[in-house]
C-alpha atoms as a PDB file:
ATOM      1  CA  MET A   1      -5.398 -20.460 -15.799  1.00  0.00           C
ATOM      2  CA  TRP A   2      -2.527 -19.251 -14.392  1.00  0.00           C
ATOM      3  CA  ILE A   3      -3.188 -19.386 -10.392  1.00  0.00           C
ATOM      4  CA  ALA A   4      -0.754 -17.212  -7.841  1.00  0.00           C
ATOM      5  CA  ASP A   5       0.189 -19.368  -5.589  1.00  0.00           C
ATOM      6  CA  ASN A   6       3.439 -18.491  -4.420  1.00  0.00           C
ATOM      7  CA  TRP A   7       2.149 -15.765  -1.731  1.00  0.00           C
ATOM      8  CA  LYS A   8       3.481 -16.375   1.995  1.00  0.00           C
ATOM      9  CA  ASP A   9       2.439 -12.561   3.153  1.00  0.00           C
ATOM     10  CA  TYR A  10      -1.207 -12.598   1.148  1.00  0.00           C
ATOM     11  CA  GLU A  11      -4.050 -14.820   0.517  1.00  0.00           C
ATOM     12  CA  ILE A  12      -7.927 -14.590  -0.318  1.00  0.00           C
ATOM     13  CA  ILE A  13      -9.789 -16.588   2.845  1.00  0.00           C
ATOM     14  CA  ASP A  14     -12.524 -16.389   1.774  1.00  0.00           C
ATOM     15  CA  THR A  15     -15.423 -14.798  -0.755  1.00  0.00           C
ATOM     16  CA  SER A  16     -18.762 -14.063  -0.928  1.00  0.00           C
ATOM     17  CA  ASP A  17     -21.675 -11.369  -0.853  1.00  0.00           C
ATOM     18  CA  GLY A  18     -19.232  -9.049  -3.798  1.00  0.00           C
ATOM     19  CA  GLU A  19     -16.645  -9.187  -1.752  1.00  0.00           C
ATOM     20  CA  LYS A  20     -13.395 -10.791  -0.683  1.00  0.00           C
ATOM     21  CA  LEU A  21     -11.904 -11.663   2.982  1.00  0.00           C
ATOM     22  CA  GLU A  22      -8.228 -11.051   2.410  1.00  0.00           C
ATOM     23  CA  ARG A  23      -5.390 -11.436   4.512  1.00  0.00           C
ATOM     24  CA  TRP A  24      -2.266  -8.406   3.593  1.00  0.00           C
ATOM     25  CA  GLY A  25       0.222  -9.783   5.943  1.00  0.00           C
ATOM     26  CA  ASP A  26      -1.122  -9.156   9.466  1.00  0.00           C
ATOM     27  CA  TYR A  27      -3.987  -7.296   8.580  1.00  0.00           C
ATOM     28  CA  ILE A  28      -7.688  -8.215   7.256  1.00  0.00           C
ATOM     29  CA  LEU A  29      -9.179  -6.381   4.775  1.00  0.00           C
ATOM     30  CA  LEU A  30     -12.716  -6.714   3.040  1.00  0.00           C
ATOM     31  CA  ARG A  31     -13.027  -5.427  -0.537  1.00  0.00           C
ATOM     32  CA  PRO A  32     -15.596  -5.322  -3.149  1.00  0.00           C
ATOM     33  CA  ASP A  33     -14.920  -7.644  -6.584  1.00  0.00           C
ATOM     34  CA  PRO A  34     -17.090  -7.690  -9.242  1.00  0.00           C
ATOM     35  CA  GLN A  35     -16.787 -11.205 -10.051  1.00  0.00           C
ATOM     36  CA  VAL A  36     -18.106 -12.279  -7.173  1.00  0.00           C
ATOM     37  CA  LEU A  37     -21.282 -13.226  -7.813  1.00  0.00           C
ATOM     38  CA  TRP A  38     -22.385 -15.824  -5.057  1.00  0.00           C
ATOM     39  CA  SER A  39     -23.474 -15.777  -1.612  1.00  0.00           C
ATOM     40  CA  MET A  40     -21.742 -18.823   0.658  1.00  0.00           C
ATOM     41  CA  GLU A  41     -21.841 -19.259   4.386  1.00  0.00           C
ATOM     42  CA  LYS A  42     -19.422 -16.833   6.365  1.00  0.00           C
ATOM     43  CA  LYS A  43     -18.188 -19.964   8.493  1.00  0.00           C
ATOM     44  CA  ASN A  44     -14.707 -18.345   8.799  1.00  0.00           C
ATOM     45  CA  PRO A  45     -13.937 -16.284  12.051  1.00  0.00           C
ATOM     46  CA  ALA A  46     -11.851 -13.809  10.060  1.00  0.00           C
ATOM     47  CA  TRP A  47     -15.151 -11.995   8.749  1.00  0.00           C
ATOM     48  CA  LYS A  48     -15.566 -10.947  12.260  1.00  0.00           C
ATOM     49  CA  HIS A  49     -12.017  -9.442  12.687  1.00  0.00           C
ATOM     50  CA  LEU A  50     -11.773  -7.028  10.151  1.00  0.00           C
ATOM     51  CA  ASN A  51      -8.787  -4.176  10.110  1.00  0.00           C
ATOM     52  CA  GLY A  52     -10.075  -2.560   6.756  1.00  0.00           C
ATOM     53  CA  HIS A  53     -13.415  -2.512   4.757  1.00  0.00           C
ATOM     54  CA  TYR A  54     -13.899  -0.747   1.556  1.00  0.00           C
ATOM     55  CA  HIS A  55     -17.617   0.143   1.377  1.00  0.00           C
ATOM     56  CA  ARG A  56     -18.740   0.550  -2.418  1.00  0.00           C
ATOM     57  CA  SER A  57     -21.703   3.172  -3.172  1.00  0.00           C
ATOM     58  CA  SER A  58     -24.482   2.670  -5.058  1.00  0.00           C
ATOM     59  CA  LYS A  59     -23.474   6.208  -6.444  1.00  0.00           C
ATOM     60  CA  GLY A  60     -20.194   4.981  -7.307  1.00  0.00           C
ATOM     61  CA  GLY A  61     -16.657   4.625  -6.011  1.00  0.00           C
ATOM     62  CA  GLY A  62     -16.828   4.215  -1.779  1.00  0.00           C
ATOM     63  CA  ASP A  63     -15.166   4.896   1.142  1.00  0.00           C
ATOM     64  CA  TRP A  64     -13.217   2.816   3.684  1.00  0.00           C
ATOM     65  CA  GLU A  65     -13.815   2.167   7.352  1.00  0.00           C
ATOM     66  CA  PHE A  66     -10.757   1.130   9.411  1.00  0.00           C
ATOM     67  CA  PHE A  67     -10.266  -0.847  12.019  1.00  0.00           C
ATOM     68  CA  SER A  68      -6.692  -0.887  13.803  1.00  0.00           C
ATOM     69  CA  LEU A  69      -5.025  -0.554  10.469  1.00  0.00           C
ATOM     70  CA  PRO A  70      -1.841   1.292  10.456  1.00  0.00           C
ATOM     71  CA  GLU A  71      -1.914   3.443   8.031  1.00  0.00           C
ATOM     72  CA  GLN A  72       1.309   1.893   5.781  1.00  0.00           C
ATOM     73  CA  TRP A  73       2.872  -1.689   6.244  1.00  0.00           C
ATOM     74  CA  ASP A  74       4.608  -4.099   4.306  1.00  0.00           C
ATOM     75  CA  ILE A  75       4.113  -7.528   2.739  1.00  0.00           C
ATOM     76  CA  ARG A  76       7.338  -9.808   1.488  1.00  0.00           C
ATOM     77  CA  TYR A  77       7.183 -11.993  -1.493  1.00  0.00           C
ATOM     78  CA  ASP A  78      10.010 -14.716  -2.293  1.00  0.00           C
ATOM     79  CA  LEU A  79      10.412 -15.115  -6.182  1.00  0.00           C
ATOM     80  CA  ARG A  80      11.367 -18.860  -6.931  1.00  0.00           C
ATOM     81  CA  ILE A  81      14.475 -17.119  -7.932  1.00  0.00           C
ATOM     82  CA  GLY A  82      15.416 -17.021  -4.898  1.00  0.00           C
ATOM     83  CA  LYS A  83      15.254 -12.723  -4.635  1.00  0.00           C
ATOM     84  CA  ARG A  84      12.974 -11.610  -2.030  1.00  0.00           C
ATOM     85  CA  LEU A  85      10.768  -8.440  -2.802  1.00  0.00           C
ATOM     86  CA  THR A  86       9.074  -6.315  -0.311  1.00  0.00           C
ATOM     87  CA  PHE A  87       6.146  -3.985  -1.246  1.00  0.00           C
ATOM     88  CA  ASN A  88       4.510  -1.012   1.209  1.00  0.00           C
ATOM     89  CA  LEU A  89       1.169  -0.618   1.448  1.00  0.00           C
ATOM     90  CA  LYS A  90      -1.516   1.905   2.426  1.00  0.00           C
ATOM     91  CA  PRO A  91      -5.627   1.832   1.480  1.00  0.00           C
ATOM     92  CA  PHE A  92      -5.719   4.759  -0.896  1.00  0.00           C
ATOM     93  CA  ALA A  93      -9.125   5.399  -3.206  1.00  0.00           C
ATOM     94  CA  PHE A  94     -11.256   2.969  -4.543  1.00  0.00           C
ATOM     95  CA  LYS A  95     -10.262   0.071  -2.490  1.00  0.00           C
ATOM     96  CA  HIS A  96      -6.638  -0.199  -3.313  1.00  0.00           C
ATOM     97  CA  THR A  97      -3.790  -1.112  -1.647  1.00  0.00           C
ATOM     98  CA  GLY A  98      -1.032  -0.554  -3.554  1.00  0.00           C
ATOM     99  CA  LEU A  99      -0.778  -3.484  -5.661  1.00  0.00           C
ATOM    100  CA  PHE A 100      -2.546  -6.829  -7.464  1.00  0.00           C
ATOM    101  CA  PRO A 101      -1.193 -10.147  -6.048  1.00  0.00           C
ATOM    102  CA  GLU A 102      -2.015 -12.235  -8.898  1.00  0.00           C
ATOM    103  CA  GLN A 103       0.403 -10.604 -10.872  1.00  0.00           C
ATOM    104  CA  ALA A 104       2.843 -12.556  -8.938  1.00  0.00           C
ATOM    105  CA  VAL A 105       2.386 -15.349 -11.733  1.00  0.00           C
ATOM    106  CA  ASN A 106       3.381 -13.198 -14.608  1.00  0.00           C
ATOM    107  CA  TRP A 107       6.291 -12.094 -12.095  1.00  0.00           C
ATOM    108  CA  GLU A 108       7.377 -15.373 -11.984  1.00  0.00           C
ATOM    109  CA  TRP A 109       7.490 -16.285 -15.318  1.00  0.00           C
ATOM    110  CA  PHE A 110       9.358 -13.495 -16.860  1.00  0.00           C
ATOM    111  CA  SER A 111      11.883 -13.084 -14.214  1.00  0.00           C
ATOM    112  CA  GLY A 112      12.452 -16.756 -14.572  1.00  0.00           C
ATOM    113  CA  LEU A 113      13.511 -15.752 -18.577  1.00  0.00           C
ATOM    114  CA  ILE A 114      15.238 -12.976 -17.521  1.00  0.00           C
ATOM    115  CA  ALA A 115      17.368 -14.868 -14.657  1.00  0.00           C
ATOM    116  CA  ARG A 116      18.027 -18.032 -17.090  1.00  0.00           C
ATOM    117  CA  GLU A 117      19.557 -15.478 -19.885  1.00  0.00           C
ATOM    118  CA  LYS A 118      21.987 -14.094 -17.578  1.00  0.00           C
ATOM    119  CA  GLU A 119      22.696 -17.380 -16.235  1.00  0.00           C
ATOM    120  CA  LYS A 120      23.372 -18.435 -20.277  1.00  0.00           C
ATOM    121  CA  HIS A 121      25.219 -15.003 -21.047  1.00  0.00           C
ATOM    122  CA  PRO A 122      26.313 -12.921 -17.903  1.00  0.00           C
ATOM    123  CA  ASP A 123      27.344 -10.229 -19.951  1.00  0.00           C
ATOM    124  CA  ARG A 124      24.267  -9.639 -22.386  1.00  0.00           C
ATOM    125  CA  LYS A 125      22.640  -6.292 -20.719  1.00  0.00           C
ATOM    126  CA  LEU A 126      18.600  -7.063 -20.455  1.00  0.00           C
ATOM    127  CA  LYS A 127      16.896  -4.275 -20.916  1.00  0.00           C
ATOM    128  CA  VAL A 128      12.908  -4.374 -19.860  1.00  0.00           C
ATOM    129  CA  LEU A 129      10.087  -1.568 -20.061  1.00  0.00           C
ATOM    130  CA  ASN A 130       7.257  -1.379 -18.108  1.00  0.00           C
ATOM    131  CA  LEU A 131       4.185   0.534 -19.284  1.00  0.00           C
ATOM    132  CA  PHE A 132       1.259   1.792 -17.274  1.00  0.00           C
ATOM    133  CA  ALA A 133       4.058   0.611 -14.516  1.00  0.00           C
ATOM    134  CA  TYR A 134       1.264   1.286 -11.394  1.00  0.00           C
ATOM    135  CA  THR A 135       3.997   0.987  -7.461  1.00  0.00           C
ATOM    136  CA  GLY A 136       6.301  -1.228  -9.704  1.00  0.00           C
ATOM    137  CA  GLY A 137       5.758  -5.133  -8.677  1.00  0.00           C
ATOM    138  CA  ALA A 138       6.707  -5.965 -12.143  1.00  0.00           C
ATOM    139  CA  THR A 139       9.605  -3.543 -12.287  1.00  0.00           C
ATOM    140  CA  VAL A 140      10.951  -5.087  -9.395  1.00  0.00           C
ATOM    141  CA  ALA A 141      10.707  -8.218 -10.135  1.00  0.00           C
ATOM    142  CA  ALA A 142      12.493  -7.703 -13.608  1.00  0.00           C
ATOM    143  CA  ALA A 143      15.332  -6.061 -11.829  1.00  0.00           C
ATOM    144  CA  ALA A 144      15.753  -8.605  -9.206  1.00  0.00           C
ATOM    145  CA  ALA A 145      16.331 -10.860 -11.971  1.00  0.00           C
ATOM    146  CA  GLY A 146      19.228  -8.530 -13.308  1.00  0.00           C
ATOM    147  CA  ALA A 147      17.542  -6.832 -16.134  1.00  0.00           C
ATOM    148  CA  GLU A 148      18.002  -3.021 -16.553  1.00  0.00           C
ATOM    149  CA  VAL A 149      14.382  -1.164 -15.992  1.00  0.00           C
ATOM    150  CA  THR A 150      12.822   1.182 -17.531  1.00  0.00           C
ATOM    151  CA  HIS A 151       9.312   2.242 -15.215  1.00  0.00           C
ATOM    152  CA  VAL A 152       6.860   4.205 -16.784  1.00  0.00           C
ATOM    153  CA  ASP A 153       3.826   5.662 -15.671  1.00  0.00           C
ATOM    154  CA  ALA A 154       1.590   8.954 -15.859  1.00  0.00           C
ATOM    155  CA  ALA A 155       1.276   9.180 -12.275  1.00  0.00           C
ATOM    156  CA  LYS A 156       3.742  10.833 -10.076  1.00  0.00           C
ATOM    157  CA  GLY A 157       2.465   9.500  -6.799  1.00  0.00           C
ATOM    158  CA  MET A 158       2.715   6.187  -8.738  1.00  0.00           C
ATOM    159  CA  VAL A 159       6.555   6.350  -9.359  1.00  0.00           C
ATOM    160  CA  THR A 160       7.295   7.840  -6.056  1.00  0.00           C
ATOM    161  CA  TRP A 161       5.887   4.654  -4.583  1.00  0.00           C
ATOM    162  CA  ALA A 162       7.346   2.183  -7.037  1.00  0.00           C
ATOM    163  CA  ARG A 163      10.932   3.688  -6.063  1.00  0.00           C
ATOM    164  CA  GLU A 164      10.234   3.314  -2.460  1.00  0.00           C
ATOM    165  CA  ASN A 165       9.171  -0.245  -3.373  1.00  0.00           C
ATOM    166  CA  ALA A 166      12.726  -1.036  -5.221  1.00  0.00           C
ATOM    167  CA  VAL A 167      14.299   0.559  -1.986  1.00  0.00           C
ATOM    168  CA  SER A 168      12.706  -1.768   0.474  1.00  0.00           C
ATOM    169  CA  SER A 169      13.680  -4.700  -1.944  1.00  0.00           C
ATOM    170  CA  GLY A 170      17.330  -3.307  -1.894  1.00  0.00           C
ATOM    171  CA  LEU A 171      17.251  -2.577  -5.701  1.00  0.00           C
ATOM    172  CA  GLY A 172      17.693   1.393  -4.862  1.00  0.00           C
ATOM    173  CA  GLU A 173      20.611   1.013  -6.621  1.00  0.00           C
ATOM    174  CA  ALA A 174      19.293  -0.665  -8.810  1.00  0.00           C
ATOM    175  CA  PRO A 175      19.322   0.075 -13.024  1.00  0.00           C
ATOM    176  CA  ILE A 176      15.978   1.409 -13.285  1.00  0.00           C
ATOM    177  CA  ARG A 177      14.706   4.776 -14.751  1.00  0.00           C
ATOM    178  CA  TRP A 178      12.061   6.408 -13.247  1.00  0.00           C
ATOM    179  CA  LEU A 179       9.630   8.243 -15.487  1.00  0.00           C
ATOM    180  CA  VAL A 180       6.315  10.239 -15.302  1.00  0.00           C
ATOM    181  CA  ASP A 181       5.009  10.208 -18.773  1.00  0.00           C
ATOM    182  CA  ASP A 182       2.201   9.431 -20.887  1.00  0.00           C
ATOM    183  CA  CYS A 183       3.351   5.885 -22.686  1.00  0.00           C
ATOM    184  CA  VAL A 184       1.804   6.275 -26.078  1.00  0.00           C
ATOM    185  CA  LYS A 185       4.039   9.324 -26.534  1.00  0.00           C
ATOM    186  CA  PHE A 186       7.090   7.894 -24.436  1.00  0.00           C
ATOM    187  CA  VAL A 187       6.527   4.798 -27.263  1.00  0.00           C
ATOM    188  CA  GLU A 188       6.615   7.078 -29.744  1.00  0.00           C
ATOM    189  CA  ARG A 189       9.565   8.839 -28.915  1.00  0.00           C
ATOM    190  CA  GLU A 190      11.432   5.909 -27.824  1.00  0.00           C
ATOM    191  CA  LEU A 191      11.057   4.387 -31.820  1.00  0.00           C
ATOM    192  CA  ARG A 192      12.405   7.560 -33.173  1.00  0.00           C
ATOM    193  CA  ARG A 193      15.645   7.847 -30.952  1.00  0.00           C
ATOM    194  CA  GLY A 194      16.005   4.046 -32.163  1.00  0.00           C
ATOM    195  CA  ASN A 195      15.952   2.768 -28.675  1.00  0.00           C
ATOM    196  CA  HIS A 196      15.129  -0.944 -28.013  1.00  0.00           C
ATOM    197  CA  TYR A 197      14.229  -3.704 -25.573  1.00  0.00           C
ATOM    198  CA  ASP A 198      14.595  -7.366 -24.594  1.00  0.00           C
ATOM    199  CA  GLY A 199      11.453  -7.375 -23.037  1.00  0.00           C
ATOM    200  CA  ILE A 200       7.850  -5.471 -22.546  1.00  0.00           C
ATOM    201  CA  ILE A 201       5.205  -5.114 -20.056  1.00  0.00           C
ATOM    202  CA  MET A 202       2.152  -3.423 -20.300  1.00  0.00           C
ATOM    203  CA  ASP A 203      -0.582  -3.371 -17.555  1.00  0.00           C
ATOM    204  CA  PRO A 204      -3.498  -0.714 -19.313  1.00  0.00           C
ATOM    205  CA  PRO A 205      -6.225   0.714 -17.593  1.00  0.00           C
ATOM    206  CA  SER A 206      -9.047   0.319 -19.254  1.00  0.00           C
ATOM    207  CA  TYR A 207      -9.639   4.202 -18.843  1.00  0.00           C
ATOM    208  CA  GLY A 208      -7.277   6.857 -18.077  1.00  0.00           C
ATOM    209  CA  ARG A 209      -5.396  10.076 -18.676  1.00  0.00           C
ATOM    210  CA  GLY A 210      -2.003  10.923 -19.044  1.00  0.00           C
ATOM    211  CA  PRO A 211      -0.465  13.715 -17.202  1.00  0.00           C
ATOM    212  CA  LYS A 212      -1.192  16.313 -19.975  1.00  0.00           C
ATOM    213  CA  GLY A 213      -4.882  15.262 -19.817  1.00  0.00           C
ATOM    214  CA  GLU A 214      -4.162  12.745 -22.812  1.00  0.00           C
ATOM    215  CA  ILE A 215      -7.282  10.622 -22.799  1.00  0.00           C
ATOM    216  CA  TRP A 216      -6.607   6.452 -22.743  1.00  0.00           C
ATOM    217  CA  LYS A 217      -9.950   4.076 -24.056  1.00  0.00           C
ATOM    218  CA  LEU A 218      -8.693   0.449 -24.305  1.00  0.00           C
ATOM    219  CA  GLU A 219     -10.625  -0.850 -26.612  1.00  0.00           C
ATOM    220  CA  GLU A 220     -10.130   1.901 -28.909  1.00  0.00           C
ATOM    221  CA  LYS A 221      -6.124   1.972 -28.298  1.00  0.00           C
ATOM    222  CA  ILE A 222      -4.931  -1.636 -27.205  1.00  0.00           C
ATOM    223  CA  HIS A 223      -4.503  -3.243 -31.071  1.00  0.00           C
ATOM    224  CA  ALA A 224      -2.487   0.212 -32.169  1.00  0.00           C
ATOM    225  CA  PHE A 225      -0.113   0.184 -29.484  1.00  0.00           C
ATOM    226  CA  ILE A 226       0.626  -3.130 -29.172  1.00  0.00           C
ATOM    227  CA  ARG A 227       1.925  -2.829 -32.731  1.00  0.00           C
ATOM    228  CA  LEU A 228       3.382   0.194 -31.799  1.00  0.00           C
ATOM    229  CA  THR A 229       5.177  -0.960 -29.033  1.00  0.00           C
ATOM    230  CA  SER A 230       6.383  -4.307 -30.672  1.00  0.00           C
ATOM    231  CA  GLU A 231       8.772  -2.458 -32.908  1.00  0.00           C
ATOM    232  CA  LEU A 232      10.762  -1.953 -29.475  1.00  0.00           C
ATOM    233  CA  LEU A 233      11.896  -5.140 -29.617  1.00  0.00           C
ATOM    234  CA  THR A 234      14.777  -6.162 -30.259  1.00  0.00           C
ATOM    235  CA  LYS A 235      15.952  -8.819 -32.724  1.00  0.00           C
ATOM    236  CA  ASP A 236      16.716 -11.040 -30.136  1.00  0.00           C
ATOM    237  CA  SER A 237      14.006 -10.473 -27.552  1.00  0.00           C
ATOM    238  CA  LEU A 238      12.872 -13.060 -24.572  1.00  0.00           C
ATOM    239  CA  PHE A 239       9.670 -11.804 -24.068  1.00  0.00           C
ATOM    240  CA  PHE A 240       6.236  -9.560 -24.439  1.00  0.00           C
ATOM    241  CA  LEU A 241       3.482  -9.211 -21.556  1.00  0.00           C
ATOM    242  CA  VAL A 242       0.322  -7.588 -22.023  1.00  0.00           C
ATOM    243  CA  ASN A 243      -2.243  -7.465 -18.638  1.00  0.00           C
ATOM    244  CA  SER A 244      -6.045  -6.874 -18.459  1.00  0.00           C
ATOM    245  CA  TYR A 245      -8.990  -6.810 -16.322  1.00  0.00           C
ATOM    246  CA  THR A 246     -11.360  -5.195 -18.995  1.00  0.00           C
ATOM    247  CA  THR A 247     -14.262  -7.915 -19.964  1.00  0.00           C
ATOM    248  CA  GLY A 248     -13.552  -7.595 -23.795  1.00  0.00           C
ATOM    249  CA  LEU A 249      -9.905  -8.502 -23.658  1.00  0.00           C
ATOM    250  CA  ALA A 250     -11.041 -11.948 -23.277  1.00  0.00           C
ATOM    251  CA  PRO A 251      -7.497 -14.420 -23.629  1.00  0.00           C
ATOM    252  CA  ALA A 252      -8.561 -15.419 -27.423  1.00  0.00           C
ATOM    253  CA  VAL A 253      -8.278 -11.505 -28.106  1.00  0.00           C
ATOM    254  CA  LEU A 254      -5.257 -10.837 -26.273  1.00  0.00           C
ATOM    255  CA  THR A 255      -3.864 -14.247 -28.462  1.00  0.00           C
ATOM    256  CA  TYR A 256      -5.000 -12.736 -31.672  1.00  0.00           C
ATOM    257  CA  MET A 257      -3.100  -9.477 -31.255  1.00  0.00           C
ATOM    258  CA  ILE A 258       0.224 -10.376 -29.855  1.00  0.00           C
ATOM    259  CA  SER A 259      -0.232 -13.272 -32.594  1.00  0.00           C
ATOM    260  CA  THR A 260      -0.699 -10.951 -35.069  1.00  0.00           C
ATOM    261  CA  GLU A 261       1.793  -8.182 -34.015  1.00  0.00           C
ATOM    262  CA  VAL A 262       4.406  -9.821 -32.224  1.00  0.00           C
ATOM    263  CA  ALA A 263       4.739 -13.425 -33.244  1.00  0.00           C
ATOM    264  CA  GLY A 264       3.938 -12.259 -37.111  1.00  0.00           C
ATOM    265  CA  LYS A 265       7.056 -10.879 -37.012  1.00  0.00           C
ATOM    266  CA  PHE A 266       9.481 -12.726 -33.671  1.00  0.00           C
ATOM    267  CA  PRO A 267       9.670 -16.457 -34.140  1.00  0.00           C
ATOM    268  CA  GLY A 268       8.053 -17.420 -30.409  1.00  0.00           C
ATOM    269  CA  THR A 269       5.020 -18.613 -28.442  1.00  0.00           C
ATOM    270  CA  VAL A 270       2.161 -17.246 -27.810  1.00  0.00           C
ATOM    271  CA  GLU A 271      -0.274 -17.845 -24.487  1.00  0.00           C
ATOM    272  CA  ALA A 272      -2.896 -16.049 -22.960  1.00  0.00           C
ATOM    273  CA  GLN A 273      -4.837 -17.186 -19.718  1.00  0.00           C
ATOM    274  CA  GLU A 274      -7.116 -15.758 -17.140  1.00  0.00           C
ATOM    275  CA  ILE A 275      -4.709 -14.899 -14.272  1.00  0.00           C
ATOM    276  CA  GLY A 276      -6.414 -16.077 -10.701  1.00  0.00           C
ATOM    277  CA  LEU A 277      -5.714 -16.516  -6.782  1.00  0.00           C
ATOM    278  CA  PRO A 278      -6.621 -19.485  -4.737  1.00  0.00           C
ATOM    279  CA  VAL A 279      -9.490 -19.012  -2.171  1.00  0.00           C
ATOM    280  CA  THR A 280      -8.271 -20.605   1.650  1.00  0.00           C
ATOM    281  CA  GLU A 281     -11.790 -21.875   2.820  1.00  0.00           C
ATOM    282  CA  THR A 282     -13.044 -23.060  -0.703  1.00  0.00           C
ATOM    283  CA  GLY A 283     -10.066 -24.307  -2.425  1.00  0.00           C
ATOM    284  CA  LEU A 284     -11.337 -22.708  -5.343  1.00  0.00           C
ATOM    285  CA  VAL A 285      -9.598 -19.929  -7.454  1.00  0.00           C
ATOM    286  CA  LEU A 286     -10.625 -16.622  -7.797  1.00  0.00           C
ATOM    287  CA  PRO A 287     -10.391 -14.975 -11.523  1.00  0.00           C
ATOM    288  CA  CYS A 288      -8.740 -11.598 -12.076  1.00  0.00           C
ATOM    289  CA  GLY A 289      -8.116 -10.476 -15.255  1.00  0.00           C
ATOM    290  CA  ALA A 290      -6.070 -12.295 -18.246  1.00  0.00           C
ATOM    291  CA  ALA A 291      -2.583 -12.090 -19.561  1.00  0.00           C
ATOM    292  CA  GLY A 292      -0.987 -12.634 -22.972  1.00  0.00           C
ATOM    293  CA  ARG A 293       2.817 -13.525 -23.367  1.00  0.00           C
ATOM    294  CA  TRP A 294       4.691 -13.869 -25.798  1.00  0.00           C
ATOM    295  CA  GLN A 295       8.359 -15.429 -25.332  1.00  0.00           C
ATOM    296  CA  LYS A 296      11.280 -15.952 -27.939  1.00  0.00           C
ATOM    297  CA  LYS A 297      11.536 -19.051 -29.798  1.00  0.00           C
ATOM    298  CA  ASP A 298      14.345 -21.389 -27.536  1.00  0.00           C
END
C-alpha cells in the first residue's frame, strides 16, 4: 500500500461506526466513510469537539451540521521536492471539502519524477495532462515541480476552485491551461491536433456527466479511455497515472490495463497499489482507493 504520511495540516484522528474523525488544519470534521466497517471505543476527546459533522441519509446524500466552522479556510502541504502547496477548503455537496488528502502520495511520486527530469535537462519543456482534474491538487503539484500543465474538468466550478488553489500556492502565473470540457472529447480532439504529453494523470469518477450531458460509467469506459489516452504520450514520456475509487478497479485490474495499453507501447515499469492514510489513534492505515502507475524505463 502507498501511504500519504507526509501531512502536517491534515490527519485522520480516529475511525469508528462508519465515520472518520479528521483534523483539517485547526478544524475537526466527522464524515462518513464506507471503508470503516468496525466499531471502536471513542477515547479521543476530539470526538466531542467537532467543528462540522456530515450526516449521511438512509435515502442517499446527507447534510452538514456546523459548529464554529468558517465558510472557507486553507491548509498547506510541503512536497519533498521543497515546494509548498496551499489548498482552499470549504464543505460542500456530498461530504466533500475540495481535497482528497490521500492523493498526496501520488503528488510526491510524479513531482519527484518531473523535478529529477528538469534537473537533468533544464531546458526540456515537460507537458502534463490532468484529466477529471477536480480542484487541482495534482495540477499544482505538477506545476510546482516545473511542468506545463493542461487541467481539464467538466465542472466549471471545480476549474475555478483549482485556479484559486494555484494562486494560493504561488502558481498564479505558472504555465497552466484551464479547460472546462468533456475529458473524452478533449482527448479525441488532442489526437486529431497531433498534441502529445510527457505525463498523464486521470482520476475518473465512477459515474458522471459532461458539460453537455455526456454520460460516463467507469466500468464501461475506462479500458477504452486508457487505450485512447495512451496515444497522447510522447516517445520519451515520464509517467502515466490512473486513480480509482471504484471497488471494481482493484490494483490488479489497473495493472492489467496499464500493462497492456501503456507498457505494451513504451518501455517502463507498471505498479498498482491501494492508497491509504494513517490513523493516529490506532497506528493503522485507512484504505482510500487505488492507483496504477507506469513510469519510463531509466
